[in-house]
Amino acid sequence: MTEPNPAPESRGEPRRMRPAPLLFEPSEAAADPEHFFDLESIEDPGELLGRATELATAFRAAADRAMEFQAVAAAQLADPKRFDRLTDEAIAERAEWTADYARKMIEFGRELLADSTPR
């Protein structure tokens, strides 16, 4: 019988914080510039701080995750084994990055892909 995997923090890895769920707002609420995830209706400052913090954490986590997907996609598009491989400059143009940043993202994506490959 195999041993269960230890928790990430016991392996020296930081624990990923679970973000608060992002609820999509109705289109009429999104059209109102004063409306933002119903935060304006929360009167208790403690509750407002808590919910606003949850949202900030969720947005940060979503941005980090989206950046990882960008890096993986950039690495896949730059893969020399692809017959339709894109240059660093072409990837930079598509993503609205500088060529230098594209090269860094491609390398980051390659690292992420290598880490996800079963050994």
PDB file of N, CA and C in Angstrom:
ATOM      1  N   MET A   1       0.837  -1.174   0.000  1.00  0.00           N
ATOM      2  CA  MET A   1       0.000   0.000   0.000  1.00  0.00           C
ATOM      3  C   MET A   1       0.885   1.241   0.000  1.00  0.00           C
ATOM      4  N   THR A   2       0.533   2.235  -0.787  1.00  0.00           N
ATOM      5  CA  THR A   2       1.370   3.428  -0.885  1.00  0.00           C
ATOM      6  C   THR A   2       1.017   4.434   0.200  1.00  0.00           C
ATOM      7  N   GLU A   3       2.034   5.202   0.560  1.00  0.00           N
ATOM      8  CA  GLU A   3       1.845   6.262   1.553  1.00  0.00           C
ATOM      9  C   GLU A   3       1.160   7.449   0.883  1.00  0.00           C
ATOM     10  N   PRO A   4       0.284   8.154   1.590  1.00  0.00           N
ATOM     11  CA  PRO A   4      -0.311   9.351   1.011  1.00  0.00           C
ATOM     12  C   PRO A   4       0.740  10.441   0.878  1.00  0.00           C
ATOM     13  N   ASN A   5       0.558  11.311  -0.121  1.00  0.00           N
ATOM     14  CA  ASN A   5       1.472  12.440  -0.306  1.00  0.00           C
ATOM     15  C   ASN A   5       1.363  13.387   0.871  1.00  0.00           C
ATOM     16  N   PRO A   6       2.519  13.852   1.389  1.00  0.00           N
ATOM     17  CA  PRO A   6       2.441  14.816   2.487  1.00  0.00           C
ATOM     18  C   PRO A   6       1.893  16.147   1.989  1.00  0.00           C
ATOM     19  N   ALA A   7       1.392  16.957   2.905  1.00  0.00           N
ATOM     20  CA  ALA A   7       0.866  18.278   2.552  1.00  0.00           C
ATOM     21  C   ALA A   7       1.981  19.113   1.951  1.00  0.00           C
ATOM     22  N   PRO A   8       1.646  20.056   1.042  1.00  0.00           N
ATOM     23  CA  PRO A   8       2.678  20.864   0.388  1.00  0.00           C
ATOM     24  C   PRO A   8       3.617  21.564   1.377  1.00  0.00           C
ATOM     25  N   GLU A   9       3.064  22.107   2.480  1.00  0.00           N
ATOM     26  CA  GLU A   9       3.913  22.833   3.417  1.00  0.00           C
ATOM     27  C   GLU A   9       4.891  21.916   4.134  1.00  0.00           C
ATOM     28  N   SER A  10       4.557  20.629   4.287  1.00  0.00           N
ATOM     29  CA  SER A  10       5.481  19.703   4.941  1.00  0.00           C
ATOM     30  C   SER A  10       6.595  19.273   3.992  1.00  0.00           C
ATOM     31  N   ARG A  11       6.407  19.493   2.700  1.00  0.00           N
ATOM     32  CA  ARG A  11       7.448  19.195   1.708  1.00  0.00           C
ATOM     33  C   ARG A  11       8.291  20.431   1.413  1.00  0.00           C
ATOM     34  N   GLY A  12       8.073  21.515   2.162  1.00  0.00           N
ATOM     35  CA  GLY A  12       8.830  22.739   1.937  1.00  0.00           C
ATOM     36  C   GLY A  12       8.241  23.620   0.848  1.00  0.00           C
ATOM     37  N   GLU A  13       7.075  23.269   0.333  1.00  0.00           N
ATOM     38  CA  GLU A  13       6.418  24.055  -0.704  1.00  0.00           C
ATOM     39  C   GLU A  13       5.394  24.977  -0.050  1.00  0.00           C
ATOM     40  N   PRO A  14       5.253  26.203  -0.583  1.00  0.00           N
ATOM     41  CA  PRO A  14       4.220  27.072  -0.019  1.00  0.00           C
ATOM     42  C   PRO A  14       2.840  26.530  -0.347  1.00  0.00           C
ATOM     43  N   ARG A  15       1.928  26.698   0.571  1.00  0.00           N
ATOM     44  CA  ARG A  15       0.557  26.238   0.350  1.00  0.00           C
ATOM     45  C   ARG A  15      -0.180  27.263  -0.484  1.00  0.00           C
ATOM     46  N   ARG A  16      -0.869  26.811  -1.510  1.00  0.00           N
ATOM     47  CA  ARG A  16      -1.645  27.718  -2.358  1.00  0.00           C
ATOM     48  C   ARG A  16      -2.930  28.086  -1.655  1.00  0.00           C
ATOM     49  N   MET A  17      -3.186  29.373  -1.593  1.00  0.00           N
ATOM     50  CA  MET A  17      -4.401  29.872  -0.956  1.00  0.00           C
ATOM     51  C   MET A  17      -5.565  29.716  -1.918  1.00  0.00           C
ATOM     52  N   ARG A  18      -6.641  29.170  -1.460  1.00  0.00           N
ATOM     53  CA  ARG A  18      -7.838  29.019  -2.287  1.00  0.00           C
ATOM     54  C   ARG A  18      -8.543  30.358  -2.374  1.00  0.00           C
ATOM     55  N   PRO A  19      -8.716  30.883  -3.587  1.00  0.00           N
ATOM     56  CA  PRO A  19      -9.384  32.178  -3.700  1.00  0.00           C
ATOM     57  C   PRO A  19     -10.886  32.065  -3.477  1.00  0.00           C
ATOM     58  N   ALA A  20     -11.467  33.185  -3.116  1.00  0.00           N
ATOM     59  CA  ALA A  20     -12.926  33.250  -2.979  1.00  0.00           C
ATOM     60  C   ALA A  20     -13.535  33.083  -4.360  1.00  0.00           C
ATOM     61  N   PRO A  21     -14.684  32.465  -4.455  1.00  0.00           N
ATOM     62  CA  PRO A  21     -15.303  32.317  -5.773  1.00  0.00           C
ATOM     63  C   PRO A  21     -15.704  33.680  -6.328  1.00  0.00           C
ATOM     64  N   LEU A  22     -15.442  33.875  -7.611  1.00  0.00           N
ATOM     65  CA  LEU A  22     -15.855  35.104  -8.274  1.00  0.00           C
ATOM     66  C   LEU A  22     -17.225  34.858  -8.866  1.00  0.00           C
ATOM     67  N   LEU A  23     -18.178  35.647  -8.443  1.00  0.00           N
ATOM     68  CA  LEU A  23     -19.531  35.505  -8.950  1.00  0.00           C
ATOM     69  C   LEU A  23     -19.722  36.509 -10.072  1.00  0.00           C
ATOM     70  N   PHE A  24     -20.283  36.071 -11.171  1.00  0.00           N
ATOM     71  CA  PHE A  24     -20.514  36.965 -12.287  1.00  0.00           C
ATOM     72  C   PHE A  24     -21.732  37.820 -12.010  1.00  0.00           C
ATOM     73  N   GLU A  25     -21.604  39.068 -12.333  1.00  0.00           N
ATOM     74  CA  GLU A  25     -22.670  40.015 -12.062  1.00  0.00           C
ATOM     75  C   GLU A  25     -23.612  40.113 -13.255  1.00  0.00           C
ATOM     76  N   PRO A  26     -24.883  40.405 -13.003  1.00  0.00           N
ATOM     77  CA  PRO A  26     -25.814  40.627 -14.112  1.00  0.00           C
ATOM     78  C   PRO A  26     -25.343  41.811 -14.953  1.00  0.00           C
ATOM     79  N   SER A  27     -25.635  41.790 -16.226  1.00  0.00           N
ATOM     80  CA  SER A  27     -25.151  42.825 -17.126  1.00  0.00           C
ATOM     81  C   SER A  27     -25.586  44.222 -16.707  1.00  0.00           C
ATOM     82  N   GLU A  28     -26.817  44.367 -16.170  1.00  0.00           N
ATOM     83  CA  GLU A  28     -27.252  45.706 -15.757  1.00  0.00           C
ATOM     84  C   GLU A  28     -26.451  46.204 -14.554  1.00  0.00           C
ATOM     85  N   ALA A  29     -26.004  45.304 -13.677  1.00  0.00           N
ATOM     86  CA  ALA A  29     -25.184  45.709 -12.535  1.00  0.00           C
ATOM     87  C   ALA A  29     -23.779  46.072 -13.004  1.00  0.00           C
ATOM     88  N   ALA A  30     -23.249  45.320 -13.959  1.00  0.00           N
ATOM     89  CA  ALA A  30     -21.916  45.590 -14.479  1.00  0.00           C
ATOM     90  C   ALA A  30     -21.878  46.921 -15.223  1.00  0.00           C
ATOM     91  N   ALA A  31     -22.997  47.353 -15.773  1.00  0.00           N
ATOM     92  CA  ALA A  31     -23.055  48.615 -16.505  1.00  0.00           C
ATOM     93  C   ALA A  31     -22.993  49.810 -15.567  1.00  0.00           C
ATOM     94  N   ASP A  32     -23.343  49.624 -14.310  1.00  0.00           N
ATOM     95  CA  ASP A  32     -23.312  50.696 -13.321  1.00  0.00           C
ATOM     96  C   ASP A  32     -21.886  50.817 -12.780  1.00  0.00           C
ATOM     97  N   PRO A  33     -21.182  51.940 -13.051  1.00  0.00           N
ATOM     98  CA  PRO A  33     -19.785  52.063 -12.624  1.00  0.00           C
ATOM     99  C   PRO A  33     -19.607  52.062 -11.107  1.00  0.00           C
ATOM    100  N   GLU A  34     -20.638  52.347 -10.358  1.00  0.00           N
ATOM    101  CA  GLU A  34     -20.552  52.348  -8.903  1.00  0.00           C
ATOM    102  C   GLU A  34     -20.741  50.947  -8.323  1.00  0.00           C
ATOM    103  N   HIS A  35     -21.168  50.001  -9.128  1.00  0.00           N
ATOM    104  CA  HIS A  35     -21.461  48.644  -8.658  1.00  0.00           C
ATOM    105  C   HIS A  35     -20.240  47.750  -8.868  1.00  0.00           C
ATOM    106  N   PHE A  36     -19.803  47.101  -7.804  1.00  0.00           N
ATOM    107  CA  PHE A  36     -18.662  46.193  -7.924  1.00  0.00           C
ATOM    108  C   PHE A  36     -18.853  45.033  -6.956  1.00  0.00           C
ATOM    109  N   PHE A  37     -19.334  43.925  -7.499  1.00  0.00           N
ATOM    110  CA  PHE A  37     -19.556  42.705  -6.720  1.00  0.00           C
ATOM    111  C   PHE A  37     -20.353  42.975  -5.444  1.00  0.00           C
ATOM    112  N   ASP A  38     -21.234  43.921  -5.511  1.00  0.00           N
ATOM    113  CA  ASP A  38     -22.146  44.263  -4.422  1.00  0.00           C
ATOM    114  C   ASP A  38     -21.430  44.785  -3.172  1.00  0.00           C
ATOM    115  N   LEU A  39     -20.161  45.194  -3.323  1.00  0.00           N
ATOM    116  CA  LEU A  39     -19.423  45.713  -2.169  1.00  0.00           C
ATOM    117  C   LEU A  39     -20.021  47.008  -1.655  1.00  0.00           C
ATOM    118  N   GLU A  40     -20.574  47.810  -2.560  1.00  0.00           N
ATOM    119  CA  GLU A  40     -21.123  49.108  -2.151  1.00  0.00           C
ATOM    120  C   GLU A  40     -22.328  48.964  -1.222  1.00  0.00           C
ATOM    121  N   SER A  41     -22.928  47.799  -1.193  1.00  0.00           N
ATOM    122  CA  SER A  41     -24.104  47.604  -0.342  1.00  0.00           C
ATOM    123  C   SER A  41     -23.741  47.084   1.053  1.00  0.00           C
ATOM    124  N   ILE A  42     -22.484  46.739   1.280  1.00  0.00           N
ATOM    125  CA  ILE A  42     -22.056  46.236   2.587  1.00  0.00           C
ATOM    126  C   ILE A  42     -21.770  47.428   3.490  1.00  0.00           C
ATOM    127  N   GLU A  43     -22.499  47.501   4.590  1.00  0.00           N
ATOM    128  CA  GLU A  43     -22.363  48.647   5.490  1.00  0.00           C
ATOM    129  C   GLU A  43     -21.371  48.402   6.623  1.00  0.00           C
ATOM    130  N   ASP A  44     -21.236  47.161   7.055  1.00  0.00           N
ATOM    131  CA  ASP A  44     -20.321  46.843   8.149  1.00  0.00           C
ATOM    132  C   ASP A  44     -18.881  46.878   7.631  1.00  0.00           C
ATOM    133  N   PRO A  45     -18.011  47.756   8.179  1.00  0.00           N
ATOM    134  CA  PRO A  45     -16.642  47.863   7.670  1.00  0.00           C
ATOM    135  C   PRO A  45     -15.839  46.572   7.809  1.00  0.00           C
ATOM    136  N   GLY A  46     -16.084  45.821   8.863  1.00  0.00           N
ATOM    137  CA  GLY A  46     -15.380  44.547   9.029  1.00  0.00           C
ATOM    138  C   GLY A  46     -15.760  43.553   7.949  1.00  0.00           C
ATOM    139  N   GLU A  47     -17.047  43.464   7.660  1.00  0.00           N
ATOM    140  CA  GLU A  47     -17.526  42.576   6.607  1.00  0.00           C
ATOM    141  C   GLU A  47     -17.019  43.048   5.243  1.00  0.00           C
ATOM    142  N   LEU A  48     -17.028  44.377   5.033  1.00  0.00           N
ATOM    143  CA  LEU A  48     -16.539  44.940   3.775  1.00  0.00           C
ATOM    144  C   LEU A  48     -15.064  44.621   3.574  1.00  0.00           C
ATOM    145  N   LEU A  49     -14.278  44.800   4.625  1.00  0.00           N
ATOM    146  CA  LEU A  49     -12.852  44.479   4.539  1.00  0.00           C
ATOM    147  C   LEU A  49     -12.650  43.004   4.214  1.00  0.00           C
ATOM    148  N   GLY A  50     -13.397  42.141   4.879  1.00  0.00           N
ATOM    149  CA  GLY A  50     -13.267  40.706   4.625  1.00  0.00           C
ATOM    150  C   GLY A  50     -13.606  40.331   3.196  1.00  0.00           C
ATOM    151  N   ARG A  51     -14.737  40.811   2.694  1.00  0.00           N
ATOM    152  CA  ARG A  51     -15.156  40.460   1.325  1.00  0.00           C
ATOM    153  C   ARG A  51     -14.242  41.093   0.286  1.00  0.00           C
ATOM    154  N   ALA A  52     -13.830  42.345   0.521  1.00  0.00           N
ATOM    155  CA  ALA A  52     -12.924  43.000  -0.422  1.00  0.00           C
ATOM    156  C   ALA A  52     -11.576  42.281  -0.460  1.00  0.00           C
ATOM    157  N   THR A  53     -11.115  41.810   0.695  1.00  0.00           N
ATOM    158  CA  THR A  53      -9.863  41.058   0.756  1.00  0.00           C
ATOM    159  C   THR A  53      -9.997  39.730   0.014  1.00  0.00           C
ATOM    160  N   GLU A  54     -11.134  39.044   0.195  1.00  0.00           N
ATOM    161  CA  GLU A  54     -11.380  37.796  -0.539  1.00  0.00           C
ATOM    162  C   GLU A  54     -11.326  38.042  -2.044  1.00  0.00           C
ATOM    163  N   LEU A  55     -11.963  39.120  -2.489  1.00  0.00           N
ATOM    164  CA  LEU A  55     -11.968  39.424  -3.920  1.00  0.00           C
ATOM    165  C   LEU A  55     -10.564  39.757  -4.419  1.00  0.00           C
ATOM    166  N   ALA A  56      -9.809  40.552  -3.652  1.00  0.00           N
ATOM    167  CA  ALA A  56      -8.449  40.905  -4.065  1.00  0.00           C
ATOM    168  C   ALA A  56      -7.586  39.649  -4.182  1.00  0.00           C
ATOM    169  N   THR A  57      -7.725  38.735  -3.225  1.00  0.00           N
ATOM    170  CA  THR A  57      -6.979  37.474  -3.263  1.00  0.00           C
ATOM    171  C   THR A  57      -7.385  36.636  -4.470  1.00  0.00           C
ATOM    172  N   ALA A  58      -8.682  36.593  -4.740  1.00  0.00           N
ATOM    173  CA  ALA A  58      -9.172  35.819  -5.886  1.00  0.00           C
ATOM    174  C   ALA A  58      -8.664  36.400  -7.200  1.00  0.00           C
ATOM    175  N   PHE A  59      -8.675  37.727  -7.321  1.00  0.00           N
ATOM    176  CA  PHE A  59      -8.188  38.352  -8.555  1.00  0.00           C
ATOM    177  C   PHE A  59      -6.689  38.120  -8.729  1.00  0.00           C
ATOM    178  N   ARG A  60      -5.924  38.206  -7.632  1.00  0.00           N
ATOM    179  CA  ARG A  60      -4.486  37.941  -7.726  1.00  0.00           C
ATOM    180  C   ARG A  60      -4.230  36.501  -8.163  1.00  0.00           C
ATOM    181  N   ALA A  61      -4.946  35.565  -7.557  1.00  0.00           N
ATOM    182  CA  ALA A  61      -4.782  34.151  -7.905  1.00  0.00           C
ATOM    183  C   ALA A  61      -5.168  33.914  -9.366  1.00  0.00           C
ATOM    184  N   ALA A  62      -6.250  34.552  -9.815  1.00  0.00           N
ATOM    185  CA  ALA A  62      -6.681  34.397 -11.204  1.00  0.00           C
ATOM    186  C   ALA A  62      -5.642  34.980 -12.154  1.00  0.00           C
ATOM    187  N   ALA A  63      -5.072  36.128 -11.805  1.00  0.00           N
ATOM    188  CA  ALA A  63      -4.049  36.749 -12.655  1.00  0.00           C
ATOM    189  C   ALA A  63      -2.799  35.870 -12.712  1.00  0.00           C
ATOM    190  N   ASP A  64      -2.378  35.312 -11.593  1.00  0.00           N
ATOM    191  CA  ASP A  64      -1.211  34.434 -11.563  1.00  0.00           C
ATOM    192  C   ASP A  64      -1.443  33.194 -12.422  1.00  0.00           C
ATOM    193  N   ARG A  65      -2.617  32.615 -12.285  1.00  0.00           N
ATOM    194  CA  ARG A  65      -2.945  31.397 -13.047  1.00  0.00           C
ATOM    195  C   ARG A  65      -3.024  31.695 -14.539  1.00  0.00           C
ATOM    196  N   ALA A  66      -3.629  32.825 -14.890  1.00  0.00           N
ATOM    197  CA  ALA A  66      -3.717  33.204 -16.297  1.00  0.00           C
ATOM    198  C   ALA A  66      -2.317  33.427 -16.877  1.00  0.00           C
ATOM    199  N   MET A  67      -1.412  34.027 -16.090  1.00  0.00           N
ATOM    200  CA  MET A  67      -0.046  34.245 -16.560  1.00  0.00           C
ATOM    201  C   MET A  67       0.664  32.917 -16.799  1.00  0.00           C
ATOM    202  N   GLU A  68       0.415  31.931 -15.942  1.00  0.00           N
ATOM    203  CA  GLU A  68       1.009  30.611 -16.158  1.00  0.00           C
ATOM    204  C   GLU A  68       0.509  29.992 -17.463  1.00  0.00           C
ATOM    205  N   PHE A  69      -0.788  30.148 -17.735  1.00  0.00           N
ATOM    206  CA  PHE A  69      -1.322  29.635 -18.996  1.00  0.00           C
ATOM    207  C   PHE A  69      -0.726  30.387 -20.182  1.00  0.00           C
ATOM    208  N   GLN A  70      -0.503  31.695 -20.049  1.00  0.00           N
ATOM    209  CA  GLN A  70       0.145  32.456 -21.124  1.00  0.00           C
ATOM    210  C   GLN A  70       1.542  31.893 -21.386  1.00  0.00           C
ATOM    211  N   ALA A  71       2.287  31.641 -20.321  1.00  0.00           N
ATOM    212  CA  ALA A  71       3.654  31.138 -20.454  1.00  0.00           C
ATOM    213  C   ALA A  71       3.672  29.770 -21.130  1.00  0.00           C
ATOM    214  N   VAL A  72       2.773  28.890 -20.718  1.00  0.00           N
ATOM    215  CA  VAL A  72       2.698  27.556 -21.331  1.00  0.00           C
ATOM    216  C   VAL A  72       2.348  27.678 -22.814  1.00  0.00           C
ATOM    217  N   ALA A  73       1.381  28.512 -23.140  1.00  0.00           N
ATOM    218  CA  ALA A  73       0.991  28.690 -24.543  1.00  0.00           C
ATOM    219  C   ALA A  73       2.149  29.267 -25.350  1.00  0.00           C
ATOM    220  N   ALA A  74       2.870  30.233 -24.786  1.00  0.00           N
ATOM    221  CA  ALA A  74       4.011  30.822 -25.486  1.00  0.00           C
ATOM    222  C   ALA A  74       5.080  29.761 -25.737  1.00  0.00           C
ATOM    223  N   ALA A  75       5.349  28.933 -24.736  1.00  0.00           N
ATOM    224  CA  ALA A  75       6.343  27.865 -24.901  1.00  0.00           C
ATOM    225  C   ALA A  75       5.904  26.870 -25.966  1.00  0.00           C
ATOM    226  N   GLN A  76       4.639  26.535 -25.989  1.00  0.00           N
ATOM    227  CA  GLN A  76       4.140  25.598 -26.998  1.00  0.00           C
ATOM    228  C   GLN A  76       4.218  26.205 -28.386  1.00  0.00           C
ATOM    229  N   LEU A  77       3.889  27.489 -28.516  1.00  0.00           N
ATOM    230  CA  LEU A  77       3.955  28.142 -29.823  1.00  0.00           C
ATOM    231  C   LEU A  77       5.390  28.282 -30.324  1.00  0.00           C
ATOM    232  N   ALA A  78       6.358  28.375 -29.402  1.00  0.00           N
ATOM    233  CA  ALA A  78       7.766  28.524 -29.772  1.00  0.00           C
ATOM    234  C   ALA A  78       8.495  27.187 -29.907  1.00  0.00           C
ATOM    235  N   ASP A  79       7.821  26.096 -29.653  1.00  0.00           N
ATOM    236  CA  ASP A  79       8.440  24.769 -29.674  1.00  0.00           C
ATOM    237  C   ASP A  79       9.060  24.496 -31.045  1.00  0.00           C
ATOM    238  N   PRO A  80      10.372  24.239 -31.083  1.00  0.00           N
ATOM    239  CA  PRO A  80      11.040  23.996 -32.370  1.00  0.00           C
ATOM    240  C   PRO A  80      10.551  22.746 -33.103  1.00  0.00           C
ATOM    241  N   LYS A  81       9.853  21.854 -32.389  1.00  0.00           N
ATOM    242  CA  LYS A  81       9.322  20.648 -33.038  1.00  0.00           C
ATOM    243  C   LYS A  81       8.052  20.920 -33.828  1.00  0.00           C
ATOM    244  N   ARG A  82       7.459  22.089 -33.626  1.00  0.00           N
ATOM    245  CA  ARG A  82       6.233  22.437 -34.355  1.00  0.00           C
ATOM    246  C   ARG A  82       6.587  22.919 -35.747  1.00  0.00           C
ATOM    247  N   PHE A  83       5.868  22.443 -36.736  1.00  0.00           N
ATOM    248  CA  PHE A  83       6.114  22.920 -38.097  1.00  0.00           C
ATOM    249  C   PHE A  83       5.656  24.363 -38.274  1.00  0.00           C
ATOM    250  N   ASP A  84       4.705  24.792 -37.450  1.00  0.00           N
ATOM    251  CA  ASP A  84       4.182  26.153 -37.537  1.00  0.00           C
ATOM    252  C   ASP A  84       4.692  27.020 -36.378  1.00  0.00           C
ATOM    253  N   ARG A  85       5.888  26.710 -35.902  1.00  0.00           N
ATOM    254  CA  ARG A  85       6.510  27.413 -34.781  1.00  0.00           C
ATOM    255  C   ARG A  85       6.525  28.915 -35.031  1.00  0.00           C
ATOM    256  N   LEU A  86       6.286  29.671 -33.957  1.00  0.00           N
ATOM    257  CA  LEU A  86       6.353  31.126 -34.055  1.00  0.00           C
ATOM    258  C   LEU A  86       7.669  31.620 -33.464  1.00  0.00           C
ATOM    259  N   THR A  87       8.155  32.727 -33.984  1.00  0.00           N
ATOM    260  CA  THR A  87       9.355  33.352 -33.434  1.00  0.00           C
ATOM    261  C   THR A  87       8.990  34.071 -32.133  1.00  0.00           C
ATOM    262  N   ASP A  88      10.009  34.380 -31.357  1.00  0.00           N
ATOM    263  CA  ASP A  88       9.792  35.131 -30.124  1.00  0.00           C
ATOM    264  C   ASP A  88       9.100  36.459 -30.426  1.00  0.00           C
ATOM    265  N   GLU A  89       9.526  37.088 -31.511  1.00  0.00           N
ATOM    266  CA  GLU A  89       8.968  38.388 -31.898  1.00  0.00           C
ATOM    267  C   GLU A  89       7.496  38.265 -32.284  1.00  0.00           C
ATOM    268  N   ALA A  90       7.141  37.190 -32.977  1.00  0.00           N
ATOM    269  CA  ALA A  90       5.742  36.983 -33.367  1.00  0.00           C
ATOM    270  C   ALA A  90       4.867  36.737 -32.133  1.00  0.00           C
ATOM    271  N   ILE A  91       5.398  35.974 -31.198  1.00  0.00           N
ATOM    272  CA  ILE A  91       4.657  35.720 -29.955  1.00  0.00           C
ATOM    273  C   ILE A  91       4.499  37.029 -29.185  1.00  0.00           C
ATOM    274  N   ALA A  92       5.565  37.809 -29.124  1.00  0.00           N
ATOM    275  CA  ALA A  92       5.519  39.102 -28.429  1.00  0.00           C
ATOM    276  C   ALA A  92       4.454  39.999 -29.044  1.00  0.00           C
ATOM    277  N   GLU A  93       4.384  40.027 -30.346  1.00  0.00           N
ATOM    278  CA  GLU A  93       3.392  40.863 -31.028  1.00  0.00           C
ATOM    279  C   GLU A  93       1.969  40.404 -30.710  1.00  0.00           C
ATOM    280  N   ARG A  94       1.739  39.091 -30.759  1.00  0.00           N
ATOM    281  CA  ARG A  94       0.391  38.561 -30.481  1.00  0.00           C
ATOM    282  C   ARG A  94      -0.055  38.839 -29.051  1.00  0.00           C
ATOM    283  N   ALA A  95       0.887  38.774 -28.111  1.00  0.00           N
ATOM    284  CA  ALA A  95       0.548  38.949 -26.696  1.00  0.00           C
ATOM    285  C   ALA A  95       0.724  40.400 -26.231  1.00  0.00           C
ATOM    286  N   GLU A  96       1.172  41.256 -27.137  1.00  0.00           N
ATOM    287  CA  GLU A  96       1.443  42.662 -26.802  1.00  0.00           C
ATOM    288  C   GLU A  96       2.509  42.772 -25.713  1.00  0.00           C
ATOM    289  N   TRP A  97       3.589  41.994 -25.890  1.00  0.00           N
ATOM    290  CA  TRP A  97       4.742  42.003 -25.006  1.00  0.00           C
ATOM    291  C   TRP A  97       5.937  42.548 -25.768  1.00  0.00           C
ATOM    292  N   THR A  98       7.037  42.816 -25.039  1.00  0.00           N
ATOM    293  CA  THR A  98       8.303  43.082 -25.708  1.00  0.00           C
ATOM    294  C   THR A  98       8.909  41.726 -26.074  1.00  0.00           C
ATOM    295  N   ALA A  99       9.839  41.707 -27.019  1.00  0.00           N
ATOM    296  CA  ALA A  99      10.477  40.450 -27.418  1.00  0.00           C
ATOM    297  C   ALA A  99      11.240  39.839 -26.236  1.00  0.00           C
ATOM    298  N   ASP A 100      11.878  40.690 -25.427  1.00  0.00           N
ATOM    299  CA  ASP A 100      12.618  40.201 -24.267  1.00  0.00           C
ATOM    300  C   ASP A 100      11.684  39.523 -23.263  1.00  0.00           C
ATOM    301  N   TYR A 101      10.539  40.145 -23.016  1.00  0.00           N
ATOM    302  CA  TYR A 101       9.562  39.556 -22.094  1.00  0.00           C
ATOM    303  C   TYR A 101       9.018  38.247 -22.665  1.00  0.00           C
ATOM    304  N   ALA A 102       8.797  38.204 -23.971  1.00  0.00           N
ATOM    305  CA  ALA A 102       8.315  36.972 -24.604  1.00  0.00           C
ATOM    306  C   ALA A 102       9.317  35.841 -24.387  1.00  0.00           C
ATOM    307  N   ARG A 103      10.609  36.128 -24.543  1.00  0.00           N
ATOM    308  CA  ARG A 103      11.630  35.094 -24.326  1.00  0.00           C
ATOM    309  C   ARG A 103      11.584  34.584 -22.881  1.00  0.00           C
ATOM    310  N   LYS A 104      11.397  35.498 -21.921  1.00  0.00           N
ATOM    311  CA  LYS A 104      11.317  35.092 -20.518  1.00  0.00           C
ATOM    312  C   LYS A 104      10.064  34.245 -20.255  1.00  0.00           C
ATOM    313  N   MET A 105       8.958  34.639 -20.865  1.00  0.00           N
ATOM    314  CA  MET A 105       7.722  33.871 -20.691  1.00  0.00           C
ATOM    315  C   MET A 105       7.837  32.495 -21.344  1.00  0.00           C
ATOM    316  N   ILE A 106       8.479  32.424 -22.492  1.00  0.00           N
ATOM    317  CA  ILE A 106       8.681  31.133 -23.162  1.00  0.00           C
ATOM    318  C   ILE A 106       9.506  30.218 -22.268  1.00  0.00           C
ATOM    319  N   GLU A 107      10.578  30.746 -21.679  1.00  0.00           N
ATOM    320  CA  GLU A 107      11.414  29.949 -20.785  1.00  0.00           C
ATOM    321  C   GLU A 107      10.624  29.516 -19.543  1.00  0.00           C
ATOM    322  N   PHE A 108       9.841  30.426 -18.982  1.00  0.00           N
ATOM    323  CA  PHE A 108       9.000  30.095 -17.827  1.00  0.00           C
ATOM    324  C   PHE A 108       8.004  29.003 -18.205  1.00  0.00           C
ATOM    325  N   GLY A 109       7.407  29.108 -19.358  1.00  0.00           N
ATOM    326  CA  GLY A 109       6.462  28.094 -19.836  1.00  0.00           C
ATOM    327  C   GLY A 109       7.125  26.741 -20.007  1.00  0.00           C
ATOM    328  N   ARG A 110       8.345  26.746 -20.516  1.00  0.00           N
ATOM    329  CA  ARG A 110       9.082  25.476 -20.670  1.00  0.00           C
ATOM    330  C   ARG A 110       9.343  24.837 -19.314  1.00  0.00           C
ATOM    331  N   GLU A 111       9.678  25.672 -18.317  1.00  0.00           N
ATOM    332  CA  GLU A 111       9.888  25.153 -16.961  1.00  0.00           C
ATOM    333  C   GLU A 111       8.586  24.558 -16.400  1.00  0.00           C
ATOM    334  N   LEU A 112       7.482  25.263 -16.609  1.00  0.00           N
ATOM    335  CA  LEU A 112       6.189  24.740 -16.133  1.00  0.00           C
ATOM    336  C   LEU A 112       5.847  23.420 -16.818  1.00  0.00           C
ATOM    337  N   LEU A 113       6.082  23.354 -18.126  1.00  0.00           N
ATOM    338  CA  LEU A 113       5.804  22.107 -18.847  1.00  0.00           C
ATOM    339  C   LEU A 113       6.699  20.973 -18.373  1.00  0.00           C
ATOM    340  N   ALA A 114       7.968  21.266 -18.123  1.00  0.00           N
ATOM    341  CA  ALA A 114       8.898  20.237 -17.653  1.00  0.00           C
ATOM    342  C   ALA A 114       8.493  19.746 -16.267  1.00  0.00           C
ATOM    343  N   ASP A 115       8.038  20.666 -15.417  1.00  0.00           N
ATOM    344  CA  ASP A 115       7.621  20.292 -14.060  1.00  0.00           C
ATOM    345  C   ASP A 115       6.353  19.437 -14.075  1.00  0.00           C
ATOM    346  N   SER A 116       5.532  19.596 -15.094  1.00  0.00           N
ATOM    347  CA  SER A 116       4.264  18.856 -15.147  1.00  0.00           C
ATOM    348  C   SER A 116       4.395  17.508 -15.855  1.00  0.00           C
ATOM    349  N   THR A 117       5.552  17.255 -16.458  1.00  0.00           N
ATOM    350  CA  THR A 117       5.766  16.004 -17.160  1.00  0.00           C
ATOM    351  C   THR A 117       6.035  14.893 -16.154  1.00  0.00           C
ATOM    352  N   PRO A 118       5.259  13.793 -16.219  1.00  0.00           N
ATOM    353  CA  PRO A 118       5.525  12.678 -15.293  1.00  0.00           C
ATOM    354  C   PRO A 118       6.895  12.091 -15.538  1.00  0.00           C
ATOM    355  N   ARG A 119       7.547  11.710 -14.482  1.00  0.00           N
ATOM    356  CA  ARG A 119       8.916  11.167 -14.605  1.00  0.00           C
ATOM    357  C   ARG A 119       8.904   9.676 -14.468  1.00  0.00           C
TER     358      ARG A 119
END
